[in-house]
Amino acid sequence: MVVRMWRGWTRVEDADRYERHYRSEVLSRLRRVPGFRGARLLRREVGEETEFVSLTLFEDLGAIRAFAGKEYDTAVIGGEGRQVLVRYDARVRHYDLAFEG
């Protein structure tokens, strides 16, 4: 299993809007990808911003490529996400899942 990690930040007042976007638009797209195994969205306020950490789980890199394309290390940001994020990691990180309890 491969974990795809990405971070993005909104203004505090836009945090709920981004979370709704993730729950609806992002998850809807991910659920159609063969090999998608789940998602976690972490959230915390840092000063006047809210930081989000997205952890998506995929069966393998082939499944990630099916979602993100040939340049699978590039962040996939679309729709409302682009409107509410004040900044975000342009590149994502991938980790082999070593243990899950």
N, C-alpha and C. Protein backbone atom coordinates (compact mmCIF):
# COMPACT_ATOMS: atom_id res chain seq x y z
N MET A 1 0.85 -1.17 0.00
CA MET A 1 0.00 0.00 0.00
C MET A 1 0.90 1.23 0.00
N VAL A 2 0.46 2.25 -0.75
CA VAL A 2 1.21 3.51 -0.86
C VAL A 2 0.34 4.64 -0.32
N VAL A 3 0.94 5.49 0.51
CA VAL A 3 0.25 6.65 1.07
C VAL A 3 0.74 7.89 0.34
N ARG A 4 -0.20 8.68 -0.15
CA ARG A 4 0.10 9.94 -0.84
C ARG A 4 -0.20 11.06 0.14
N MET A 5 0.80 11.90 0.44
CA MET A 5 0.63 12.96 1.43
C MET A 5 0.77 14.32 0.76
N TRP A 6 -0.16 15.21 1.08
CA TRP A 6 -0.17 16.55 0.52
C TRP A 6 -0.65 17.52 1.58
N ARG A 7 -0.17 18.79 1.53
CA ARG A 7 -0.62 19.83 2.47
C ARG A 7 -1.10 21.06 1.73
N GLY A 8 -2.12 21.70 2.29
CA GLY A 8 -2.62 22.95 1.76
C GLY A 8 -3.17 23.81 2.89
N TRP A 9 -3.23 25.12 2.66
CA TRP A 9 -3.67 26.06 3.70
C TRP A 9 -4.78 26.96 3.16
N THR A 10 -5.76 27.23 4.02
CA THR A 10 -6.82 28.19 3.72
C THR A 10 -6.81 29.27 4.79
N ARG A 11 -7.55 30.35 4.53
CA ARG A 11 -7.84 31.28 5.62
C ARG A 11 -8.80 30.55 6.56
N VAL A 12 -8.75 30.85 7.84
CA VAL A 12 -9.59 30.17 8.82
C VAL A 12 -11.06 30.21 8.40
N GLU A 13 -11.50 31.34 7.88
CA GLU A 13 -12.92 31.46 7.50
C GLU A 13 -13.30 30.61 6.29
N ASP A 14 -12.33 30.10 5.54
CA ASP A 14 -12.61 29.24 4.38
C ASP A 14 -12.40 27.75 4.66
N ALA A 15 -12.01 27.42 5.87
CA ALA A 15 -11.66 26.03 6.19
C ALA A 15 -12.83 25.07 6.01
N ASP A 16 -14.00 25.43 6.49
CA ASP A 16 -15.17 24.54 6.34
C ASP A 16 -15.51 24.35 4.86
N ARG A 17 -15.36 25.40 4.10
CA ARG A 17 -15.63 25.32 2.65
C ARG A 17 -14.67 24.34 1.98
N TYR A 18 -13.39 24.40 2.34
CA TYR A 18 -12.44 23.47 1.76
C TYR A 18 -12.76 22.03 2.18
N GLU A 19 -13.08 21.85 3.45
CA GLU A 19 -13.39 20.49 3.92
C GLU A 19 -14.60 19.92 3.17
N ARG A 20 -15.63 20.73 2.95
CA ARG A 20 -16.79 20.27 2.17
C ARG A 20 -16.38 19.88 0.75
N HIS A 21 -15.53 20.70 0.14
CA HIS A 21 -15.02 20.40 -1.21
C HIS A 21 -14.29 19.06 -1.22
N TYR A 22 -13.45 18.82 -0.23
CA TYR A 22 -12.69 17.57 -0.16
C TYR A 22 -13.64 16.39 0.00
N ARG A 23 -14.60 16.52 0.91
CA ARG A 23 -15.54 15.42 1.17
C ARG A 23 -16.39 15.09 -0.05
N SER A 24 -16.73 16.08 -0.83
CA SER A 24 -17.62 15.83 -1.97
C SER A 24 -16.84 15.64 -3.26
N GLU A 25 -16.21 16.69 -3.75
CA GLU A 25 -15.56 16.65 -5.07
C GLU A 25 -14.33 15.75 -5.11
N VAL A 26 -13.43 15.91 -4.16
CA VAL A 26 -12.19 15.13 -4.17
C VAL A 26 -12.48 13.65 -3.95
N LEU A 27 -13.24 13.33 -2.92
CA LEU A 27 -13.53 11.92 -2.64
C LEU A 27 -14.34 11.27 -3.75
N SER A 28 -15.23 12.01 -4.37
CA SER A 28 -15.99 11.46 -5.48
C SER A 28 -15.07 11.01 -6.60
N ARG A 29 -14.09 11.82 -6.91
CA ARG A 29 -13.13 11.46 -7.96
C ARG A 29 -12.26 10.28 -7.54
N LEU A 30 -11.78 10.31 -6.31
CA LEU A 30 -10.91 9.24 -5.82
C LEU A 30 -11.62 7.89 -5.81
N ARG A 31 -12.86 7.87 -5.42
CA ARG A 31 -13.60 6.60 -5.32
C ARG A 31 -13.78 5.90 -6.66
N ARG A 32 -13.61 6.63 -7.75
CA ARG A 32 -13.72 6.03 -9.08
C ARG A 32 -12.40 5.44 -9.57
N VAL A 33 -11.33 5.61 -8.80
CA VAL A 33 -10.01 5.14 -9.22
C VAL A 33 -9.82 3.70 -8.73
N PRO A 34 -9.62 2.75 -9.65
CA PRO A 34 -9.31 1.38 -9.22
C PRO A 34 -8.02 1.38 -8.40
N GLY A 35 -8.04 0.73 -7.26
CA GLY A 35 -6.87 0.68 -6.40
C GLY A 35 -6.86 1.72 -5.30
N PHE A 36 -7.86 2.62 -5.29
CA PHE A 36 -7.99 3.59 -4.19
C PHE A 36 -8.46 2.84 -2.95
N ARG A 37 -7.81 3.08 -1.81
CA ARG A 37 -8.12 2.32 -0.59
C ARG A 37 -8.55 3.19 0.60
N GLY A 38 -8.71 4.48 0.41
CA GLY A 38 -9.20 5.30 1.51
C GLY A 38 -8.48 6.63 1.60
N ALA A 39 -9.05 7.51 2.43
CA ALA A 39 -8.48 8.85 2.59
C ALA A 39 -8.67 9.32 4.03
N ARG A 40 -7.75 10.16 4.45
CA ARG A 40 -7.83 10.84 5.74
C ARG A 40 -7.52 12.30 5.48
N LEU A 41 -8.26 13.18 6.13
CA LEU A 41 -7.98 14.61 6.02
C LEU A 41 -7.74 15.14 7.42
N LEU A 42 -6.53 15.63 7.66
CA LEU A 42 -6.16 16.21 8.95
C LEU A 42 -6.31 17.72 8.85
N ARG A 43 -6.64 18.35 9.96
CA ARG A 43 -6.93 19.79 9.95
C ARG A 43 -6.46 20.40 11.26
N ARG A 44 -5.81 21.58 11.17
CA ARG A 44 -5.44 22.31 12.38
C ARG A 44 -5.32 23.79 12.07
N GLU A 45 -5.68 24.61 13.05
CA GLU A 45 -5.52 26.05 12.90
C GLU A 45 -4.11 26.45 13.32
N VAL A 46 -3.50 27.28 12.48
CA VAL A 46 -2.17 27.81 12.74
C VAL A 46 -2.24 29.30 12.50
N GLY A 47 -2.40 30.06 13.56
CA GLY A 47 -2.55 31.51 13.42
C GLY A 47 -3.83 31.84 12.67
N GLU A 48 -3.69 32.57 11.58
CA GLU A 48 -4.86 33.00 10.80
C GLU A 48 -5.17 32.05 9.65
N GLU A 49 -4.48 30.91 9.62
CA GLU A 49 -4.69 29.93 8.57
C GLU A 49 -5.12 28.59 9.15
N THR A 50 -5.73 27.78 8.31
CA THR A 50 -6.01 26.40 8.65
C THR A 50 -5.19 25.53 7.72
N GLU A 51 -4.41 24.64 8.30
CA GLU A 51 -3.60 23.71 7.53
C GLU A 51 -4.36 22.40 7.37
N PHE A 52 -4.33 21.85 6.17
CA PHE A 52 -4.91 20.54 5.89
C PHE A 52 -3.80 19.61 5.43
N VAL A 53 -3.85 18.39 5.91
CA VAL A 53 -2.96 17.34 5.43
C VAL A 53 -3.86 16.23 4.89
N SER A 54 -3.68 15.92 3.61
CA SER A 54 -4.45 14.86 2.96
C SER A 54 -3.58 13.62 2.88
N LEU A 55 -4.09 12.52 3.38
CA LEU A 55 -3.43 11.22 3.28
C LEU A 55 -4.36 10.31 2.48
N THR A 56 -3.95 9.94 1.30
CA THR A 56 -4.76 9.03 0.49
C THR A 56 -4.00 7.73 0.33
N LEU A 57 -4.72 6.64 0.38
CA LEU A 57 -4.12 5.32 0.32
C LEU A 57 -4.48 4.65 -1.00
N PHE A 58 -3.45 4.10 -1.63
CA PHE A 58 -3.63 3.43 -2.91
C PHE A 58 -2.94 2.08 -2.87
N GLU A 59 -3.46 1.17 -3.66
CA GLU A 59 -2.89 -0.17 -3.74
C GLU A 59 -1.43 -0.15 -4.19
N ASP A 60 -1.12 0.70 -5.17
CA ASP A 60 0.24 0.76 -5.72
C ASP A 60 0.40 2.05 -6.52
N LEU A 61 1.61 2.26 -7.06
CA LEU A 61 1.87 3.47 -7.84
C LEU A 61 1.04 3.51 -9.12
N GLY A 62 0.68 2.37 -9.67
CA GLY A 62 -0.18 2.35 -10.85
C GLY A 62 -1.52 2.99 -10.57
N ALA A 63 -2.08 2.73 -9.40
CA ALA A 63 -3.35 3.35 -9.01
C ALA A 63 -3.18 4.86 -8.84
N ILE A 64 -2.05 5.28 -8.30
CA ILE A 64 -1.79 6.71 -8.14
C ILE A 64 -1.68 7.37 -9.51
N ARG A 65 -1.00 6.72 -10.43
CA ARG A 65 -0.90 7.27 -11.79
C ARG A 65 -2.28 7.37 -12.45
N ALA A 66 -3.16 6.43 -12.17
CA ALA A 66 -4.52 6.49 -12.72
C ALA A 66 -5.26 7.73 -12.22
N PHE A 67 -4.94 8.15 -11.01
CA PHE A 67 -5.56 9.35 -10.43
C PHE A 67 -4.84 10.63 -10.87
N ALA A 68 -3.51 10.64 -10.75
CA ALA A 68 -2.74 11.88 -10.90
C ALA A 68 -2.08 12.04 -12.27
N GLY A 69 -2.02 10.98 -13.05
CA GLY A 69 -1.39 11.07 -14.35
C GLY A 69 0.09 10.72 -14.32
N LYS A 70 0.73 10.95 -15.46
CA LYS A 70 2.14 10.59 -15.65
C LYS A 70 3.05 11.28 -14.64
N GLU A 71 2.79 12.55 -14.37
CA GLU A 71 3.57 13.32 -13.38
C GLU A 71 2.90 13.16 -12.01
N TYR A 72 2.90 11.96 -11.49
CA TYR A 72 2.12 11.64 -10.29
C TYR A 72 2.63 12.30 -9.02
N ASP A 73 3.82 12.91 -9.05
CA ASP A 73 4.32 13.65 -7.88
C ASP A 73 3.78 15.08 -7.83
N THR A 74 3.04 15.48 -8.84
CA THR A 74 2.46 16.82 -8.90
C THR A 74 1.10 16.81 -8.20
N ALA A 75 0.83 17.82 -7.40
CA ALA A 75 -0.46 17.93 -6.70
C ALA A 75 -1.60 18.07 -7.71
N VAL A 76 -2.73 17.45 -7.38
CA VAL A 76 -3.93 17.56 -8.20
C VAL A 76 -4.89 18.47 -7.44
N ILE A 77 -5.04 19.70 -7.91
CA ILE A 77 -5.90 20.69 -7.26
C ILE A 77 -6.88 21.20 -8.29
N GLY A 78 -8.15 21.11 -8.00
CA GLY A 78 -9.12 21.57 -8.98
C GLY A 78 -10.33 22.19 -8.34
N GLY A 79 -11.18 22.72 -9.19
CA GLY A 79 -12.46 23.25 -8.74
C GLY A 79 -12.35 24.25 -7.63
N GLU A 80 -13.19 24.05 -6.64
CA GLU A 80 -13.28 24.99 -5.52
C GLU A 80 -11.99 25.03 -4.69
N GLY A 81 -11.25 23.94 -4.71
CA GLY A 81 -9.99 23.92 -3.97
C GLY A 81 -9.07 25.06 -4.38
N ARG A 82 -8.98 25.32 -5.67
CA ARG A 82 -8.13 26.42 -6.16
C ARG A 82 -8.63 27.78 -5.66
N GLN A 83 -9.92 27.88 -5.44
CA GLN A 83 -10.50 29.17 -5.01
C GLN A 83 -10.24 29.46 -3.54
N VAL A 84 -10.18 28.44 -2.70
CA VAL A 84 -10.08 28.69 -1.26
C VAL A 84 -8.69 28.46 -0.67
N LEU A 85 -7.83 27.75 -1.37
CA LEU A 85 -6.48 27.53 -0.84
C LEU A 85 -5.63 28.78 -1.06
N VAL A 86 -5.00 29.26 0.00
CA VAL A 86 -4.12 30.42 -0.14
C VAL A 86 -2.72 29.98 -0.57
N ARG A 87 -2.38 28.74 -0.26
CA ARG A 87 -1.12 28.14 -0.71
C ARG A 87 -1.23 26.64 -0.51
N TYR A 88 -0.36 25.93 -1.21
CA TYR A 88 -0.36 24.47 -1.09
C TYR A 88 0.95 23.91 -1.63
N ASP A 89 1.24 22.69 -1.22
CA ASP A 89 2.41 22.00 -1.74
C ASP A 89 2.15 21.65 -3.21
N ALA A 90 3.03 22.09 -4.09
CA ALA A 90 2.89 21.78 -5.51
C ALA A 90 3.27 20.33 -5.79
N ARG A 91 4.09 19.76 -4.94
CA ARG A 91 4.52 18.36 -5.08
C ARG A 91 3.99 17.58 -3.89
N VAL A 92 3.63 16.35 -4.13
CA VAL A 92 3.18 15.47 -3.06
C VAL A 92 4.31 14.50 -2.71
N ARG A 93 4.15 13.84 -1.58
CA ARG A 93 5.13 12.83 -1.16
C ARG A 93 4.43 11.47 -1.09
N HIS A 94 5.14 10.44 -1.43
CA HIS A 94 4.60 9.07 -1.38
C HIS A 94 5.43 8.23 -0.41
N TYR A 95 4.71 7.44 0.38
CA TYR A 95 5.35 6.58 1.37
C TYR A 95 4.77 5.18 1.24
N ASP A 96 5.62 4.18 1.41
CA ASP A 96 5.13 2.81 1.56
C ASP A 96 4.55 2.70 2.96
N LEU A 97 3.38 2.13 3.08
CA LEU A 97 2.76 1.93 4.39
C LEU A 97 3.49 0.78 5.07
N ALA A 98 4.23 1.09 6.13
CA ALA A 98 5.02 0.09 6.84
C ALA A 98 4.20 -0.66 7.87
N PHE A 99 3.23 0.02 8.47
CA PHE A 99 2.45 -0.60 9.54
C PHE A 99 1.14 0.14 9.70
N GLU A 100 0.10 -0.59 9.98
CA GLU A 100 -1.20 0.02 10.30
C GLU A 100 -1.80 -0.80 11.43
N GLY A 101 -2.14 -0.11 12.52
CA GLY A 101 -2.63 -0.82 13.71
C GLY A 101 -4.11 -0.78 13.86
